[in-house]
C-alpha atoms as a PDB file:
ATOM      1  CA  UNK A   1      13.266  14.868 -14.774  1.00  0.00           C
ATOM      2  CA  UNK A   2      10.401  16.793 -15.994  1.00  0.00           C
ATOM      3  CA  UNK A   3       8.376  13.721 -17.004  1.00  0.00           C
ATOM      4  CA  UNK A   4       8.579  12.487 -13.419  1.00  0.00           C
ATOM      5  CA  UNK A   5       6.973  15.460 -12.309  1.00  0.00           C
ATOM      6  CA  UNK A   6       4.538  15.632 -14.824  1.00  0.00           C
ATOM      7  CA  UNK A   7       3.553  12.014 -14.209  1.00  0.00           C
ATOM      8  CA  UNK A   8       2.815  12.420 -10.614  1.00  0.00           C
ATOM      9  CA  UNK A   9       1.423  16.068 -10.856  1.00  0.00           C
ATOM     10  CA  UNK A  10       4.296  17.577  -9.290  1.00  0.00           C
ATOM     11  CA  UNK A  11       4.577  15.421  -6.239  1.00  0.00           C
ATOM     12  CA  UNK A  12       7.924  13.891  -6.950  1.00  0.00           C
ATOM     13  CA  UNK A  13      11.015  15.924  -8.329  1.00  0.00           C
ATOM     14  CA  UNK A  14      14.288  14.199  -9.235  1.00  0.00           C
ATOM     15  CA  UNK A  15      17.478  15.733  -9.662  1.00  0.00           C
ATOM     16  CA  UNK A  16      19.855  14.998 -12.419  1.00  0.00           C
ATOM     17  CA  UNK A  17      22.074  13.595 -10.183  1.00  0.00           C
ATOM     18  CA  UNK A  18      19.420  11.368  -8.617  1.00  0.00           C
ATOM     19  CA  UNK A  19      17.920  10.507 -11.984  1.00  0.00           C
ATOM     20  CA  UNK A  20      21.325   9.214 -13.689  1.00  0.00           C
ATOM     21  CA  UNK A  21      22.451   7.666 -10.426  1.00  0.00           C
ATOM     22  CA  UNK A  22      19.173   5.445 -10.602  1.00  0.00           C
ATOM     23  CA  UNK A  23      19.295   5.014 -14.469  1.00  0.00           C
ATOM     24  CA  UNK A  24      22.974   3.424 -13.830  1.00  0.00           C
ATOM     25  CA  UNK A  25      21.672   1.276 -11.199  1.00  0.00           C
ATOM     26  CA  UNK A  26      18.688   0.139 -13.153  1.00  0.00           C
ATOM     27  CA  UNK A  27      20.851  -0.957 -16.203  1.00  0.00           C
ATOM     28  CA  UNK A  28      23.235  -2.432 -14.041  1.00  0.00           C
ATOM     29  CA  UNK A  29      20.688  -4.727 -12.176  1.00  0.00           C
ATOM     30  CA  UNK A  30      18.765  -5.569 -15.576  1.00  0.00           C
ATOM     31  CA  UNK A  31      15.529  -3.400 -14.617  1.00  0.00           C
ATOM     32  CA  UNK A  32      15.559  -1.431 -17.615  1.00  0.00           C
ATOM     33  CA  UNK A  33      17.486  -1.518 -21.192  1.00  0.00           C
ATOM     34  CA  UNK A  34      18.733   1.266 -23.327  1.00  0.00           C
ATOM     35  CA  UNK A  35      16.823   1.112 -26.704  1.00  0.00           C
ATOM     36  CA  UNK A  36      18.490   4.147 -28.282  1.00  0.00           C
ATOM     37  CA  UNK A  37      21.057   6.861 -27.861  1.00  0.00           C
ATOM     38  CA  UNK A  38      21.402  10.157 -29.836  1.00  0.00           C
ATOM     39  CA  UNK A  39      24.381  12.125 -28.703  1.00  0.00           C
ATOM     40  CA  UNK A  40      23.942  12.703 -24.902  1.00  0.00           C
ATOM     41  CA  UNK A  41      20.183  11.483 -25.257  1.00  0.00           C
ATOM     42  CA  UNK A  42      19.443   8.098 -24.038  1.00  0.00           C
ATOM     43  CA  UNK A  43      15.958   6.163 -24.385  1.00  0.00           C
ATOM     44  CA  UNK A  44      15.111   3.160 -22.151  1.00  0.00           C
ATOM     45  CA  UNK A  45      12.245   0.562 -21.736  1.00  0.00           C
ATOM     46  CA  UNK A  46      11.447  -1.766 -18.745  1.00  0.00           C
ATOM     47  CA  UNK A  47      13.121  -5.102 -19.172  1.00  0.00           C
ATOM     48  CA  UNK A  48      10.735  -8.544 -18.256  1.00  0.00           C
ATOM     49  CA  UNK A  49      12.610  -8.302 -15.025  1.00  0.00           C
ATOM     50  CA  UNK A  50      11.726  -4.602 -14.510  1.00  0.00           C
ATOM     51  CA  UNK A  51       8.326  -5.490 -14.938  1.00  0.00           C
ATOM     52  CA  UNK A  52       8.355  -8.082 -12.323  1.00  0.00           C
ATOM     53  CA  UNK A  53      10.241  -5.793  -9.829  1.00  0.00           C
ATOM     54  CA  UNK A  54       7.595  -2.945 -10.649  1.00  0.00           C
ATOM     55  CA  UNK A  55       4.657  -5.213 -10.030  1.00  0.00           C
ATOM     56  CA  UNK A  56       6.113  -6.425  -6.850  1.00  0.00           C
ATOM     57  CA  UNK A  57       6.779  -2.639  -5.343  1.00  0.00           C
ATOM     58  CA  UNK A  58       3.149  -1.867  -6.670  1.00  0.00           C
ATOM     59  CA  UNK A  59       1.670  -5.103  -4.591  1.00  0.00           C
ATOM     60  CA  UNK A  60       3.691  -4.223  -1.809  1.00  0.00           C
ATOM     61  CA  UNK A  61       2.556  -0.615  -1.403  1.00  0.00           C
ATOM     62  CA  UNK A  62      -1.013  -1.708  -2.169  1.00  0.00           C
ATOM     63  CA  UNK A  63      -0.477  -4.121   0.808  1.00  0.00           C
ATOM     64  CA  UNK A  64       0.548  -0.969   2.863  1.00  0.00           C
ATOM     65  CA  UNK A  65      -2.251   1.161   1.964  1.00  0.00           C
ATOM     66  CA  UNK A  66      -4.721  -1.775   2.992  1.00  0.00           C
ATOM     67  CA  UNK A  67      -2.827  -2.103   6.464  1.00  0.00           C
ATOM     68  CA  UNK A  68      -3.320   1.817   6.975  1.00  0.00           C
ATOM     69  CA  UNK A  69      -7.065   1.511   6.091  1.00  0.00           C
ATOM     70  CA  UNK A  70      -7.494  -1.092   8.414  1.00  0.00           C
ATOM     71  CA  UNK A  71      -5.811   0.665  11.143  1.00  0.00           C
ATOM     72  CA  UNK A  72      -6.826   4.297  10.588  1.00  0.00           C
ATOM     73  CA  UNK A  73     -10.033   4.340   8.873  1.00  0.00           C
END
């Protein structure tokens, strides 16, 4: 949770319920893979599918930003 806030310069804050729900969904859909478990602590990495999903989302957001620039700048 702290890492999300750090990575986004405080723009995004994720609560524990949201985080654990997303992790469960991402695991279930094969977007992430659990790499390590120590007690309650878990580590994850993006799967190949996750990398594709992330790239597609990045491209979608870039397209939206370009649409905004065309319309308003």
